[in-house]
Amino acid sequence: MEVSIIKIGNSKGLRLSKTILKKYDIKDSVDLILEEDQIVIKPVSRTRQGWDKAFEKMSQNNEDHPLMDDVFEDEDFEEWK
């Protein structure tokens, strides 16, 4: 897809359509990857965004315990010797 470079103040940039922004869930920033002969624009992945608040809430609700034991009742440690 060919897009035009536009003037933005003293700089230049490119405009992404609403369709592209929505399709790739692009909000406020992108990763710009400079490769040998090309520039790759990737959406910023914020997979852990909000985890701090979620963990704090879990702690307040006393829900921050392991879901399973570290050692199972029927585990045989002899086989590891």
C-alpha atoms as a PDB file:
ATOM      1  CA  MET A   1       0.000   0.000   0.000  1.00  0.00           C
ATOM      2  CA  GLU A   2       1.442   3.357  -0.961  1.00  0.00           C
ATOM      3  CA  VAL A   3       0.880   6.303   1.377  1.00  0.00           C
ATOM      4  CA  SER A   4       2.023   9.903   1.109  1.00  0.00           C
ATOM      5  CA  ILE A   5       4.509  11.554   3.438  1.00  0.00           C
ATOM      6  CA  ILE A   6       2.938  14.702   4.891  1.00  0.00           C
ATOM      7  CA  LYS A   7       4.400  17.815   6.503  1.00  0.00           C
ATOM      8  CA  ILE A   8       3.855  18.056  10.274  1.00  0.00           C
ATOM      9  CA  GLY A   9       5.391  21.290  11.582  1.00  0.00           C
ATOM     10  CA  ASN A  10       9.147  21.118  10.885  1.00  0.00           C
ATOM     11  CA  SER A  11       8.954  17.336  10.483  1.00  0.00           C
ATOM     12  CA  LYS A  12       7.274  14.893   8.153  1.00  0.00           C
ATOM     13  CA  GLY A  13       5.103  11.895   8.877  1.00  0.00           C
ATOM     14  CA  LEU A  14       2.642   9.482   7.405  1.00  0.00           C
ATOM     15  CA  ARG A  15      -1.050   9.232   7.987  1.00  0.00           C
ATOM     16  CA  LEU A  16      -2.670   5.893   8.843  1.00  0.00           C
ATOM     17  CA  SER A  17      -6.333   5.399   8.039  1.00  0.00           C
ATOM     18  CA  LYS A  18      -8.946   4.784  10.716  1.00  0.00           C
ATOM     19  CA  THR A  19      -9.408   1.289   9.286  1.00  0.00           C
ATOM     20  CA  ILE A  20      -5.727   0.395   9.784  1.00  0.00           C
ATOM     21  CA  LEU A  21      -5.672   1.891  13.284  1.00  0.00           C
ATOM     22  CA  LYS A  22      -8.721  -0.134  14.264  1.00  0.00           C
ATOM     23  CA  LYS A  23      -7.619  -3.374  12.596  1.00  0.00           C
ATOM     24  CA  TYR A  24      -4.230  -3.391  14.361  1.00  0.00           C
ATOM     25  CA  ASP A  25      -5.512  -1.816  17.597  1.00  0.00           C
ATOM     26  CA  ILE A  26      -3.097   1.119  17.346  1.00  0.00           C
ATOM     27  CA  LYS A  27      -3.718   3.727  20.044  1.00  0.00           C
ATOM     28  CA  ASP A  28      -1.056   6.322  20.867  1.00  0.00           C
ATOM     29  CA  SER A  29       2.249   4.776  19.809  1.00  0.00           C
ATOM     30  CA  VAL A  30       3.860   2.147  17.588  1.00  0.00           C
ATOM     31  CA  ASP A  31       7.162   0.277  17.530  1.00  0.00           C
ATOM     32  CA  LEU A  32       9.343   1.445  14.649  1.00  0.00           C
ATOM     33  CA  ILE A  33      11.760  -1.291  13.561  1.00  0.00           C
ATOM     34  CA  LEU A  34      14.590  -0.306  11.238  1.00  0.00           C
ATOM     35  CA  GLU A  35      15.792  -3.243   9.174  1.00  0.00           C
ATOM     36  CA  GLU A  36      18.401  -3.456   6.443  1.00  0.00           C
ATOM     37  CA  ASP A  37      16.264  -2.083   3.628  1.00  0.00           C
ATOM     38  CA  GLN A  38      12.864  -1.486   5.184  1.00  0.00           C
ATOM     39  CA  ILE A  39      11.003   0.156   8.043  1.00  0.00           C
ATOM     40  CA  VAL A  40       8.459  -1.961   9.934  1.00  0.00           C
ATOM     41  CA  ILE A  41       5.686  -0.329  11.975  1.00  0.00           C
ATOM     42  CA  LYS A  42       4.187  -2.579  14.664  1.00  0.00           C
ATOM     43  CA  PRO A  43       1.468  -1.882  17.206  1.00  0.00           C
ATOM     44  CA  VAL A  44       2.823  -1.517  20.734  1.00  0.00           C
ATOM     45  CA  SER A  45       1.881  -4.566  22.748  1.00  0.00           C
ATOM     46  CA  ARG A  46       0.877  -3.745  26.304  1.00  0.00           C
ATOM     47  CA  THR A  47       0.068  -7.260  27.485  1.00  0.00           C
ATOM     48  CA  ARG A  48       0.731  -6.540  31.159  1.00  0.00           C
ATOM     49  CA  GLN A  49      -1.014  -3.183  31.317  1.00  0.00           C
ATOM     50  CA  GLY A  50      -3.218  -2.998  34.401  1.00  0.00           C
ATOM     51  CA  TRP A  51      -1.703  -6.058  36.075  1.00  0.00           C
ATOM     52  CA  ASP A  52      -0.419  -3.987  39.016  1.00  0.00           C
ATOM     53  CA  LYS A  53      -3.934  -2.839  39.901  1.00  0.00           C
ATOM     54  CA  ALA A  54      -5.353  -6.331  39.409  1.00  0.00           C
ATOM     55  CA  PHE A  55      -2.721  -7.868  41.709  1.00  0.00           C
ATOM     56  CA  GLU A  56      -3.346  -5.184  44.325  1.00  0.00           C
ATOM     57  CA  LYS A  57      -7.075  -5.912  44.226  1.00  0.00           C
ATOM     58  CA  MET A  58      -6.426  -9.665  44.517  1.00  0.00           C
ATOM     59  CA  SER A  59      -4.238  -9.031  47.568  1.00  0.00           C
ATOM     60  CA  GLN A  60      -6.896  -6.858  49.210  1.00  0.00           C
ATOM     61  CA  ASN A  61      -9.497  -9.600  48.608  1.00  0.00           C
ATOM     62  CA  ASN A  62      -7.105 -12.293  49.928  1.00  0.00           C
ATOM     63  CA  GLU A  63      -7.219 -14.015  46.523  1.00  0.00           C
ATOM     64  CA  ASP A  64      -3.471 -14.013  45.865  1.00  0.00           C
ATOM     65  CA  HIS A  65      -2.725 -17.598  46.847  1.00  0.00           C
ATOM     66  CA  PRO A  66      -1.393 -20.425  44.640  1.00  0.00           C
ATOM     67  CA  LEU A  67      -4.061 -22.328  42.740  1.00  0.00           C
ATOM     68  CA  MET A  68      -2.302 -25.641  43.375  1.00  0.00           C
ATOM     69  CA  ASP A  69       0.225 -27.013  45.851  1.00  0.00           C
ATOM     70  CA  ASP A  70       3.948 -27.031  45.110  1.00  0.00           C
ATOM     71  CA  VAL A  71       4.082 -30.746  45.932  1.00  0.00           C
ATOM     72  CA  PHE A  72       1.385 -33.292  45.189  1.00  0.00           C
ATOM     73  CA  GLU A  73       0.316 -35.742  47.897  1.00  0.00           C
ATOM     74  CA  ASP A  74       1.198 -38.806  45.812  1.00  0.00           C
ATOM     75  CA  GLU A  75       4.569 -37.494  44.620  1.00  0.00           C
ATOM     76  CA  ASP A  76       7.417 -39.980  45.098  1.00  0.00           C
ATOM     77  CA  PHE A  77      10.702 -38.252  45.892  1.00  0.00           C
ATOM     78  CA  GLU A  78      12.593 -41.569  45.976  1.00  0.00           C
ATOM     79  CA  GLU A  79      12.631 -41.748  42.179  1.00  0.00           C
ATOM     80  CA  TRP A  80      14.667 -38.521  42.100  1.00  0.00           C
ATOM     81  CA  LYS A  81      17.596 -40.001  44.065  1.00  0.00           C
END
